[in-house]
Structure formats: C-alpha cells, structure tokens
PDB file of N, CA and C in Angstrom:
ATOM      1  N   MET A   1     -42.010  16.043   8.564  1.00  0.00           N
ATOM      2  CA  MET A   1     -41.576  15.444   7.263  1.00  0.00           C
ATOM      3  C   MET A   1     -40.229  16.025   6.827  1.00  0.00           C
ATOM      4  N   HIS A   2     -40.024  17.325   7.073  1.00  0.00           N
ATOM      5  CA  HIS A   2     -38.793  17.876   6.674  1.00  0.00           C
ATOM      6  C   HIS A   2     -37.632  17.321   7.444  1.00  0.00           C
ATOM      7  N   ASN A   3     -37.826  16.977   8.662  1.00  0.00           N
ATOM      8  CA  ASN A   3     -36.744  16.309   9.512  1.00  0.00           C
ATOM      9  C   ASN A   3     -36.397  14.965   8.974  1.00  0.00           C
ATOM     10  N   MET A   4     -37.483  14.327   8.439  1.00  0.00           N
ATOM     11  CA  MET A   4     -37.157  12.970   7.885  1.00  0.00           C
ATOM     12  C   MET A   4     -36.348  13.023   6.653  1.00  0.00           C
ATOM     13  N   TYR A   5     -36.453  14.028   5.858  1.00  0.00           N
ATOM     14  CA  TYR A   5     -35.594  14.215   4.667  1.00  0.00           C
ATOM     15  C   TYR A   5     -34.145  14.485   5.072  1.00  0.00           C
ATOM     16  N   ILE A   6     -33.993  15.395   6.132  1.00  0.00           N
ATOM     17  CA  ILE A   6     -32.720  15.639   6.598  1.00  0.00           C
ATOM     18  C   ILE A   6     -31.986  14.442   7.204  1.00  0.00           C
ATOM     19  N   LEU A   7     -32.740  13.592   7.867  1.00  0.00           N
ATOM     20  CA  LEU A   7     -32.195  12.420   8.405  1.00  0.00           C
ATOM     21  C   LEU A   7     -31.844  11.503   7.317  1.00  0.00           C
ATOM     22  N   PHE A   8     -32.672  11.348   6.321  1.00  0.00           N
ATOM     23  CA  PHE A   8     -32.327  10.458   5.163  1.00  0.00           C
ATOM     24  C   PHE A   8     -31.030  10.871   4.459  1.00  0.00           C
ATOM     25  N   ASP A   9     -30.980  12.202   4.269  1.00  0.00           N
ATOM     26  CA  ASP A   9     -29.739  12.765   3.670  1.00  0.00           C
ATOM     27  C   ASP A   9     -28.475  12.454   4.470  1.00  0.00           C
ATOM     28  N   TYR A  10     -28.591  12.655   5.754  1.00  0.00           N
ATOM     29  CA  TYR A  10     -27.451  12.382   6.648  1.00  0.00           C
ATOM     30  C   TYR A  10     -27.066  10.953   6.596  1.00  0.00           C
ATOM     31  N   VAL A  11     -28.003  10.007   6.730  1.00  0.00           N
ATOM     32  CA  VAL A  11     -27.638   8.562   6.557  1.00  0.00           C
ATOM     33  C   VAL A  11     -27.084   8.235   5.316  1.00  0.00           C
ATOM     34  N   ASN A  12     -27.552   8.772   4.159  1.00  0.00           N
ATOM     35  CA  ASN A  12     -26.885   8.486   2.810  1.00  0.00           C
ATOM     36  C   ASN A  12     -25.472   9.107   2.851  1.00  0.00           C
ATOM     37  N   TYR A  13     -25.260  10.221   3.330  1.00  0.00           N
ATOM     38  CA  TYR A  13     -24.041  10.819   3.465  1.00  0.00           C
ATOM     39  C   TYR A  13     -23.051   9.878   4.250  1.00  0.00           C
ATOM     40  N   ILE A  14     -23.345   9.386   5.342  1.00  0.00           N
ATOM     41  CA  ILE A  14     -22.591   8.549   6.255  1.00  0.00           C
ATOM     42  C   ILE A  14     -22.255   7.241   5.454  1.00  0.00           C
ATOM     43  N   MET A  15     -23.223   6.745   4.807  1.00  0.00           N
ATOM     44  CA  MET A  15     -23.049   5.470   4.011  1.00  0.00           C
ATOM     45  C   MET A  15     -22.030   5.729   2.873  1.00  0.00           C
ATOM     46  N   TYR A  16     -22.030   6.883   2.218  1.00  0.00           N
ATOM     47  CA  TYR A  16     -21.188   7.241   1.128  1.00  0.00           C
ATOM     48  C   TYR A  16     -19.760   7.292   1.684  1.00  0.00           C
ATOM     49  N   ILE A  17     -19.592   7.960   2.842  1.00  0.00           N
ATOM     50  CA  ILE A  17     -18.205   8.088   3.543  1.00  0.00           C
ATOM     51  C   ILE A  17     -17.651   6.836   3.792  1.00  0.00           C
ATOM     52  N   ILE A  18     -18.517   5.823   4.301  1.00  0.00           N
ATOM     53  CA  ILE A  18     -18.040   4.486   4.719  1.00  0.00           C
ATOM     54  C   ILE A  18     -17.606   3.813   3.366  1.00  0.00           C
ATOM     55  N   VAL A  19     -18.276   3.840   2.302  1.00  0.00           N
ATOM     56  CA  VAL A  19     -17.930   3.154   1.103  1.00  0.00           C
ATOM     57  C   VAL A  19     -16.665   3.814   0.547  1.00  0.00           C
ATOM     58  N   ILE A  20     -16.564   5.036   0.539  1.00  0.00           N
ATOM     59  CA  ILE A  20     -15.304   5.712   0.012  1.00  0.00           C
ATOM     60  C   ILE A  20     -14.098   5.249   0.857  1.00  0.00           C
ATOM     61  N   HIS A  21     -14.294   5.254   2.128  1.00  0.00           N
ATOM     62  CA  HIS A  21     -13.133   4.783   3.025  1.00  0.00           C
ATOM     63  C   HIS A  21     -12.766   3.335   2.830  1.00  0.00           C
ATOM     64  N   GLU A  22     -13.733   2.494   2.745  1.00  0.00           N
ATOM     65  CA  GLU A  22     -13.430   1.079   2.414  1.00  0.00           C
ATOM     66  C   GLU A  22     -12.680   0.891   1.189  1.00  0.00           C
ATOM     67  N   GLU A  23     -13.043   1.668   0.113  1.00  0.00           N
ATOM     68  CA  GLU A  23     -12.439   1.502  -1.247  1.00  0.00           C
ATOM     69  C   GLU A  23     -11.052   2.005  -1.110  1.00  0.00           C
ATOM     70  N   SER A  24     -10.832   3.066  -0.432  1.00  0.00           N
ATOM     71  CA  SER A  24      -9.469   3.696  -0.363  1.00  0.00           C
ATOM     72  C   SER A  24      -8.520   2.888   0.458  1.00  0.00           C
ATOM     73  N   THR A  25      -9.036   2.074   1.319  1.00  0.00           N
ATOM     74  CA  THR A  25      -8.143   1.211   2.159  1.00  0.00           C
ATOM     75  C   THR A  25      -7.887  -0.172   1.644  1.00  0.00           C
ATOM     76  N   MET A  26      -8.461  -0.417   0.413  1.00  0.00           N
ATOM     77  CA  MET A  26      -8.329  -1.691  -0.093  1.00  0.00           C
ATOM     78  C   MET A  26      -6.903  -1.951  -0.766  1.00  0.00           C
ATOM     79  N   ASN A  27      -5.895  -2.360   0.080  1.00  0.00           N
ATOM     80  CA  ASN A  27      -4.652  -2.645  -0.410  1.00  0.00           C
ATOM     81  C   ASN A  27      -4.087  -3.886   0.377  1.00  0.00           C
ATOM     82  N   ASN A  28      -3.157  -4.509  -0.113  1.00  0.00           N
ATOM     83  CA  ASN A  28      -2.641  -5.747   0.503  1.00  0.00           C
ATOM     84  C   ASN A  28      -1.383  -5.589   1.222  1.00  0.00           C
ATOM     85  N   LEU A  29      -0.996  -4.349   1.492  1.00  0.00           N
ATOM     86  CA  LEU A  29       0.376  -4.067   2.172  1.00  0.00           C
ATOM     87  C   LEU A  29       0.396  -4.853   3.474  1.00  0.00           C
ATOM     88  N   LYS A  30      -0.445  -4.697   4.419  1.00  0.00           N
ATOM     89  CA  LYS A  30      -0.442  -5.334   5.654  1.00  0.00           C
ATOM     90  C   LYS A  30      -0.422  -6.789   5.573  1.00  0.00           C
ATOM     91  N   THR A  31      -1.144  -7.411   4.731  1.00  0.00           N
ATOM     92  CA  THR A  31      -1.299  -8.854   4.548  1.00  0.00           C
ATOM     93  C   THR A  31       0.015  -9.330   4.047  1.00  0.00           C
ATOM     94  N   LEU A  32       0.646  -8.676   3.019  1.00  0.00           N
ATOM     95  CA  LEU A  32       1.852  -9.222   2.408  1.00  0.00           C
ATOM     96  C   LEU A  32       3.051  -9.016   3.491  1.00  0.00           C
ATOM     97  N   ARG A  33       2.960  -7.971   4.262  1.00  0.00           N
ATOM     98  CA  ARG A  33       3.977  -7.675   5.252  1.00  0.00           C
ATOM     99  C   ARG A  33       4.031  -8.770   6.348  1.00  0.00           C
ATOM    100  N   LYS A  34       2.794  -9.096   6.834  1.00  0.00           N
ATOM    101  CA  LYS A  34       2.576 -10.098   7.822  1.00  0.00           C
ATOM    102  C   LYS A  34       3.007 -11.469   7.278  1.00  0.00           C
ATOM    103  N   SER A  35       2.587 -11.673   6.080  1.00  0.00           N
ATOM    104  CA  SER A  35       2.993 -13.012   5.462  1.00  0.00           C
ATOM    105  C   SER A  35       4.566 -13.242   5.412  1.00  0.00           C
ATOM    106  N   GLN A  36       5.225 -12.192   5.348  1.00  0.00           N
ATOM    107  CA  GLN A  36       6.770 -12.182   5.385  1.00  0.00           C
ATOM    108  C   GLN A  36       7.270 -12.135   6.856  1.00  0.00           C
ATOM    109  N   SER A  37       6.393 -12.099   7.838  1.00  0.00           N
ATOM    110  CA  SER A  37       6.710 -12.015   9.257  1.00  0.00           C
ATOM    111  C   SER A  37       7.559 -10.724   9.467  1.00  0.00           C
ATOM    112  N   MET A  38       7.166  -9.707   8.836  1.00  0.00           N
ATOM    113  CA  MET A  38       7.751  -8.443   9.013  1.00  0.00           C
ATOM    114  C   MET A  38       6.900  -7.537   9.922  1.00  0.00           C
ATOM    115  N   THR A  39       7.572  -6.682  10.637  1.00  0.00           N
ATOM    116  CA  THR A  39       6.811  -5.695  11.468  1.00  0.00           C
ATOM    117  C   THR A  39       6.792  -4.497  10.678  1.00  0.00           C
ATOM    118  N   GLN A  40       5.981  -3.541  11.099  1.00  0.00           N
ATOM    119  CA  GLN A  40       6.012  -2.233  10.496  1.00  0.00           C
ATOM    120  C   GLN A  40       7.324  -1.551  10.638  1.00  0.00           C
ATOM    121  N   LYS A  41       7.954  -1.721  11.790  1.00  0.00           N
ATOM    122  CA  LYS A  41       9.259  -1.178  12.011  1.00  0.00           C
ATOM    123  C   LYS A  41      10.347  -1.726  11.108  1.00  0.00           C
ATOM    124  N   SER A  42      10.331  -3.121  10.907  1.00  0.00           N
ATOM    125  CA  SER A  42      11.434  -3.684   9.985  1.00  0.00           C
ATOM    126  C   SER A  42      11.231  -3.259   8.577  1.00  0.00           C
ATOM    127  N   LEU A  43       9.904  -3.160   8.142  1.00  0.00           N
ATOM    128  CA  LEU A  43       9.680  -2.667   6.724  1.00  0.00           C
ATOM    129  C   LEU A  43      10.028  -1.255   6.596  1.00  0.00           C
ATOM    130  N   ALA A  44       9.668  -0.425   7.584  1.00  0.00           N
ATOM    131  CA  ALA A  44      10.056   0.938   7.479  1.00  0.00           C
ATOM    132  C   ALA A  44      11.574   1.139   7.415  1.00  0.00           C
ATOM    133  N   GLU A  45      12.348   0.432   8.265  1.00  0.00           N
ATOM    134  CA  GLU A  45      13.758   0.541   8.143  1.00  0.00           C
ATOM    135  C   GLU A  45      14.319   0.099   6.926  1.00  0.00           C
ATOM    136  N   GLU A  46      13.703  -0.966   6.350  1.00  0.00           N
ATOM    137  CA  GLU A  46      14.178  -1.617   5.076  1.00  0.00           C
ATOM    138  C   GLU A  46      14.067  -0.574   3.930  1.00  0.00           C
ATOM    139  N   ILE A  47      13.000   0.308   3.938  1.00  0.00           N
ATOM    140  CA  ILE A  47      12.752   1.144   2.828  1.00  0.00           C
ATOM    141  C   ILE A  47      13.036   2.605   3.129  1.00  0.00           C
ATOM    142  N   GLY A  48      13.543   2.881   4.383  1.00  0.00           N
ATOM    143  CA  GLY A  48      13.886   4.184   4.684  1.00  0.00           C
ATOM    144  C   GLY A  48      12.673   5.160   5.038  1.00  0.00           C
ATOM    145  N   GLN A  49      11.676   4.622   5.519  1.00  0.00           N
ATOM    146  CA  GLN A  49      10.440   5.371   5.948  1.00  0.00           C
ATOM    147  C   GLN A  49      10.284   5.264   7.439  1.00  0.00           C
ATOM    148  N   THR A  50       9.235   6.000   7.938  1.00  0.00           N
ATOM    149  CA  THR A  50       8.874   5.934   9.318  1.00  0.00           C
ATOM    150  C   THR A  50       7.873   4.828   9.534  1.00  0.00           C
ATOM    151  N   ILE A  51       7.717   4.434  10.791  1.00  0.00           N
ATOM    152  CA  ILE A  51       6.631   3.362  11.162  1.00  0.00           C
ATOM    153  C   ILE A  51       5.300   4.018  10.844  1.00  0.00           C
ATOM    154  N   SER A  52       5.146   5.187  11.116  1.00  0.00           N
ATOM    155  CA  SER A  52       3.689   5.865  10.989  1.00  0.00           C
ATOM    156  C   SER A  52       3.467   5.929   9.434  1.00  0.00           C
ATOM    157  N   SER A  53       4.473   6.136   8.662  1.00  0.00           N
ATOM    158  CA  SER A  53       4.211   6.078   7.168  1.00  0.00           C
ATOM    159  C   SER A  53       3.663   4.747   6.747  1.00  0.00           C
ATOM    160  N   ILE A  54       4.283   3.686   7.274  1.00  0.00           N
ATOM    161  CA  ILE A  54       3.831   2.282   6.877  1.00  0.00           C
ATOM    162  C   ILE A  54       2.414   2.180   7.267  1.00  0.00           C
ATOM    163  N   GLY A  55       2.069   2.606   8.530  1.00  0.00           N
ATOM    164  CA  GLY A  55       0.748   2.501   8.996  1.00  0.00           C
ATOM    165  C   GLY A  55      -0.218   3.343   8.212  1.00  0.00           C
ATOM    166  N   HIS A  56       0.124   4.498   7.793  1.00  0.00           N
ATOM    167  CA  HIS A  56      -0.747   5.353   6.859  1.00  0.00           C
ATOM    168  C   HIS A  56      -0.956   4.693   5.531  1.00  0.00           C
ATOM    169  N   TYR A  57       0.119   4.027   4.959  1.00  0.00           N
ATOM    170  CA  TYR A  57      -0.028   3.388   3.730  1.00  0.00           C
ATOM    171  C   TYR A  57      -1.011   2.163   3.902  1.00  0.00           C
ATOM    172  N   GLU A  58      -0.865   1.428   4.986  1.00  0.00           N
ATOM    173  CA  GLU A  58      -1.723   0.266   5.206  1.00  0.00           C
ATOM    174  C   GLU A  58      -3.159   0.583   5.387  1.00  0.00           C
ATOM    175  N   SER A  59      -3.405   1.728   5.987  1.00  0.00           N
ATOM    176  CA  SER A  59      -4.755   2.132   6.372  1.00  0.00           C
ATOM    177  C   SER A  59      -5.442   2.860   5.151  1.00  0.00           C
ATOM    178  N   GLY A  60      -4.585   3.388   4.218  1.00  0.00           N
ATOM    179  CA  GLY A  60      -5.121   4.116   3.064  1.00  0.00           C
ATOM    180  C   GLY A  60      -5.190   5.625   3.333  1.00  0.00           C
ATOM    181  N   ARG A  61      -4.729   6.007   4.454  1.00  0.00           N
ATOM    182  CA  ARG A  61      -4.732   7.401   4.768  1.00  0.00           C
ATOM    183  C   ARG A  61      -3.777   8.211   3.810  1.00  0.00           C
ATOM    184  N   ARG A  62      -2.709   7.516   3.410  1.00  0.00           N
ATOM    185  CA  ARG A  62      -1.753   8.133   2.449  1.00  0.00           C
ATOM    186  C   ARG A  62      -1.424   7.136   1.391  1.00  0.00           C
ATOM    187  N   GLN A  63      -1.052   7.701   0.275  1.00  0.00           N
ATOM    188  CA  GLN A  63      -0.600   6.863  -0.904  1.00  0.00           C
ATOM    189  C   GLN A  63       0.897   7.052  -1.141  1.00  0.00           C
ATOM    190  N   PRO A  64       1.630   6.025  -1.147  1.00  0.00           N
ATOM    191  CA  PRO A  64       3.057   6.241  -1.426  1.00  0.00           C
ATOM    192  C   PRO A  64       3.373   6.625  -2.821  1.00  0.00           C
ATOM    193  N   ASP A  65       4.521   7.373  -3.111  1.00  0.00           N
ATOM    194  CA  ASP A  65       4.840   7.726  -4.362  1.00  0.00           C
ATOM    195  C   ASP A  65       5.423   6.492  -5.135  1.00  0.00           C
ATOM    196  N   ILE A  66       5.627   6.657  -6.386  1.00  0.00           N
ATOM    197  CA  ILE A  66       6.042   5.439  -7.274  1.00  0.00           C
ATOM    198  C   ILE A  66       7.415   4.799  -6.731  1.00  0.00           C
ATOM    199  N   SER A  67       8.250   5.687  -6.414  1.00  0.00           N
ATOM    200  CA  SER A  67       9.576   5.165  -5.833  1.00  0.00           C
ATOM    201  C   SER A  67       9.403   4.283  -4.582  1.00  0.00           C
ATOM    202  N   THR A  68       8.524   4.809  -3.753  1.00  0.00           N
ATOM    203  CA  THR A  68       8.311   4.065  -2.462  1.00  0.00           C
ATOM    204  C   THR A  68       7.520   2.794  -2.801  1.00  0.00           C
ATOM    205  N   CYS A  69       6.672   2.739  -3.780  1.00  0.00           N
ATOM    206  CA  CYS A  69       5.922   1.545  -4.185  1.00  0.00           C
ATOM    207  C   CYS A  69       7.008   0.533  -4.575  1.00  0.00           C
ATOM    208  N   HIS A  70       7.924   0.909  -5.415  1.00  0.00           N
ATOM    209  CA  HIS A  70       8.961   0.036  -5.993  1.00  0.00           C
ATOM    210  C   HIS A  70       9.800  -0.626  -4.700  1.00  0.00           C
ATOM    211  N   GLN A  71      10.105   0.295  -3.738  1.00  0.00           N
ATOM    212  CA  GLN A  71      10.891  -0.057  -2.603  1.00  0.00           C
ATOM    213  C   GLN A  71      10.074  -1.184  -1.806  1.00  0.00           C
ATOM    214  N   LEU A  72       8.797  -0.897  -1.622  1.00  0.00           N
ATOM    215  CA  LEU A  72       7.941  -1.766  -0.903  1.00  0.00           C
ATOM    216  C   LEU A  72       7.917  -3.111  -1.567  1.00  0.00           C
ATOM    217  N   ALA A  73       7.714  -3.108  -2.876  1.00  0.00           N
ATOM    218  CA  ALA A  73       7.646  -4.421  -3.656  1.00  0.00           C
ATOM    219  C   ALA A  73       8.905  -5.105  -3.487  1.00  0.00           C
ATOM    220  N   ALA A  74      10.147  -4.470  -3.563  1.00  0.00           N
ATOM    221  CA  ALA A  74      11.395  -5.093  -3.421  1.00  0.00           C
ATOM    222  C   ALA A  74      11.607  -5.688  -1.980  1.00  0.00           C
ATOM    223  N   ALA A  75      11.184  -4.896  -1.043  1.00  0.00           N
ATOM    224  CA  ALA A  75      11.303  -5.347   0.478  1.00  0.00           C
ATOM    225  C   ALA A  75      10.457  -6.600   0.721  1.00  0.00           C
ATOM    226  N   LEU A  76       9.275  -6.528   0.140  1.00  0.00           N
ATOM    227  CA  LEU A  76       8.334  -7.609   0.442  1.00  0.00           C
ATOM    228  C   LEU A  76       8.697  -8.893  -0.528  1.00  0.00           C
ATOM    229  N   GLY A  77       9.514  -8.782  -1.431  1.00  0.00           N
ATOM    230  CA  GLY A  77       9.807  -9.807  -2.312  1.00  0.00           C
ATOM    231  C   GLY A  77      11.274 -10.412  -2.124  1.00  0.00           C
ATOM    232  N   LYS A  78      11.778 -10.116  -0.965  1.00  0.00           N
ATOM    233  CA  LYS A  78      13.173 -10.484  -0.681  1.00  0.00           C
ATOM    234  C   LYS A  78      13.471 -11.992  -0.680  1.00  0.00           C
ATOM    235  N   ASP A  79      12.441 -12.831  -0.157  1.00  0.00           N
ATOM    236  CA  ASP A  79      12.710 -14.325  -0.112  1.00  0.00           C
ATOM    237  C   ASP A  79      12.448 -15.008  -1.384  1.00  0.00           C
ATOM    238  N   GLY A  80      12.764 -14.410  -2.528  1.00  0.00           N
ATOM    239  CA  GLY A  80      12.499 -15.024  -3.804  1.00  0.00           C
ATOM    240  C   GLY A  80      11.131 -14.897  -4.208  1.00  0.00           C
ATOM    241  N   ARG A  81      10.257 -14.347  -3.458  1.00  0.00           N
ATOM    242  CA  ARG A  81       8.804 -14.108  -3.949  1.00  0.00           C
ATOM    243  C   ARG A  81       8.774 -12.950  -4.861  1.00  0.00           C
ATOM    244  N   LYS A  82       8.065 -13.085  -5.882  1.00  0.00           N
ATOM    245  CA  LYS A  82       7.880 -11.937  -6.840  1.00  0.00           C
ATOM    246  C   LYS A  82       6.647 -11.167  -6.397  1.00  0.00           C
ATOM    247  N   VAL A  83       6.979  -9.940  -5.974  1.00  0.00           N
ATOM    248  CA  VAL A  83       5.788  -9.031  -5.503  1.00  0.00           C
ATOM    249  C   VAL A  83       5.836  -7.855  -6.335  1.00  0.00           C
ATOM    250  N   THR A  84       4.750  -7.453  -6.930  1.00  0.00           N
ATOM    251  CA  THR A  84       4.665  -6.291  -7.842  1.00  0.00           C
ATOM    252  C   THR A  84       3.810  -5.166  -7.058  1.00  0.00           C
ATOM    253  N   ILE A  85       3.880  -4.007  -7.656  1.00  0.00           N
ATOM    254  CA  ILE A  85       3.117  -2.884  -7.122  1.00  0.00           C
ATOM    255  C   ILE A  85       1.636  -3.278  -7.188  1.00  0.00           C
ATOM    256  N   GLU A  86       1.243  -3.910  -8.253  1.00  0.00           N
ATOM    257  CA  GLU A  86      -0.231  -4.327  -8.411  1.00  0.00           C
ATOM    258  C   GLU A  86      -0.563  -5.317  -7.382  1.00  0.00           C
ATOM    259  N   ASP A  87       0.319  -6.260  -6.825  1.00  0.00           N
ATOM    260  CA  ASP A  87       0.043  -7.127  -5.742  1.00  0.00           C
ATOM    261  C   ASP A  87      -0.295  -6.376  -4.476  1.00  0.00           C
ATOM    262  N   ILE A  88       0.521  -5.351  -4.288  1.00  0.00           N
ATOM    263  CA  ILE A  88       0.307  -4.434  -3.072  1.00  0.00           C
ATOM    264  C   ILE A  88      -0.910  -3.537  -3.157  1.00  0.00           C
ATOM    265  N   PHE A  89      -1.024  -2.912  -4.245  1.00  0.00           N
ATOM    266  CA  PHE A  89      -2.137  -1.933  -4.515  1.00  0.00           C
ATOM    267  C   PHE A  89      -2.814  -2.353  -5.701  1.00  0.00           C
ATOM    268  N   PRO A  90      -3.807  -3.190  -5.665  1.00  0.00           N
ATOM    269  CA  PRO A  90      -4.582  -3.617  -6.792  1.00  0.00           C
ATOM    270  C   PRO A  90      -5.153  -2.366  -7.582  1.00  0.00           C
ATOM    271  N   LYS A  91      -5.408  -2.666  -8.858  1.00  0.00           N
ATOM    272  CA  LYS A  91      -5.864  -1.434  -9.684  1.00  0.00           C
ATOM    273  C   LYS A  91      -7.185  -0.971  -9.212  1.00  0.00           C
ATOM    274  N   GLN A  92      -8.061  -1.783  -8.748  1.00  0.00           N
ATOM    275  CA  GLN A  92      -9.375  -1.159  -8.273  1.00  0.00           C
ATOM    276  C   GLN A  92      -9.125  -0.208  -7.142  1.00  0.00           C
ATOM    277  N   SER A  93      -8.078  -0.447  -6.313  1.00  0.00           N
ATOM    278  CA  SER A  93      -7.798   0.374  -5.154  1.00  0.00           C
ATOM    279  C   SER A  93      -7.226   1.686  -5.689  1.00  0.00           C
ATOM    280  N   ARG A  94      -6.300   1.590  -6.716  1.00  0.00           N
ATOM    281  CA  ARG A  94      -5.711   2.814  -7.159  1.00  0.00           C
ATOM    282  C   ARG A  94      -6.711   3.721  -7.979  1.00  0.00           C
ATOM    283  N   ASN A  95      -7.591   2.971  -8.676  1.00  0.00           N
ATOM    284  CA  ASN A  95      -8.691   3.739  -9.452  1.00  0.00           C
ATOM    285  C   ASN A  95      -9.568   4.435  -8.480  1.00  0.00           C
ATOM    286  N   ALA A  96      -9.948   3.825  -7.385  1.00  0.00           N
ATOM    287  CA  ALA A  96     -10.892   4.454  -6.422  1.00  0.00           C
ATOM    288  C   ALA A  96     -10.243   5.716  -5.872  1.00  0.00           C
ATOM    289  N   SER A  97      -8.904   5.667  -5.580  1.00  0.00           N
ATOM    290  CA  SER A  97      -8.157   6.749  -5.043  1.00  0.00           C
ATOM    291  C   SER A  97      -8.093   7.958  -5.965  1.00  0.00           C
ATOM    292  N   ALA A  98      -8.108   7.658  -7.276  1.00  0.00           N
ATOM    293  CA  ALA A  98      -7.912   8.644  -8.309  1.00  0.00           C
ATOM    294  C   ALA A  98      -9.239   9.333  -8.568  1.00  0.00           C
ATOM    295  N   SER A  99     -10.335   8.723  -8.231  1.00  0.00           N
ATOM    296  CA  SER A  99     -11.652   9.270  -8.447  1.00  0.00           C
ATOM    297  C   SER A  99     -12.017  10.469  -7.602  1.00  0.00           C
TER     298      SER A  99
END
C-alpha cells in the first residue's frame, strides 16, 4: 500500500511539471516569426541576439527583458504589421511565468 502512495505522488509530480512547462512555453514568437518567413538566424541578427537565445525564448526556457521584447515586436512588425509584446507573449503566459 505504501508503494502505491509513492507511485501516486510521483505521477502527480510529473503531471504538475508537464503543466508548468506547457504554461511557461505558451508564447507566439515562433508562430509570428514563421508567418514573416523569418529564420531564427535572421531574427537574431535583426535584434542583435544569438540564434540560441531566440530558440530559448521560443521554447520558454528563458524570458527576454523588456528591451528585447520591444526589439522583437519591432522586427516582427516590419512589413506594416502591428505586433505588440502582448501579441508575442500573451498575458496568461507572462502571469504563469511570474507565479
């Protein structure tokens, strides 16, 4: 019986980690970048970041600072499209990261 409780706790822990990971990666950076036919390399060069930084932002492993967020919005809005920080990182995504 004791082993069953340990297994149950472990399964709950894994499910919790998956939910937290999904919430932290909910951003639109990759979708918006691809809709502009941009590569990670071209976006990185445009804003003075590395390709790996762009990958980390897209996956949610890292959060850009506010200055970088403004640069991302400007780079993704070059073709007359208005792109805001909220378009890239919706509020629910930012709130989940702050928790």
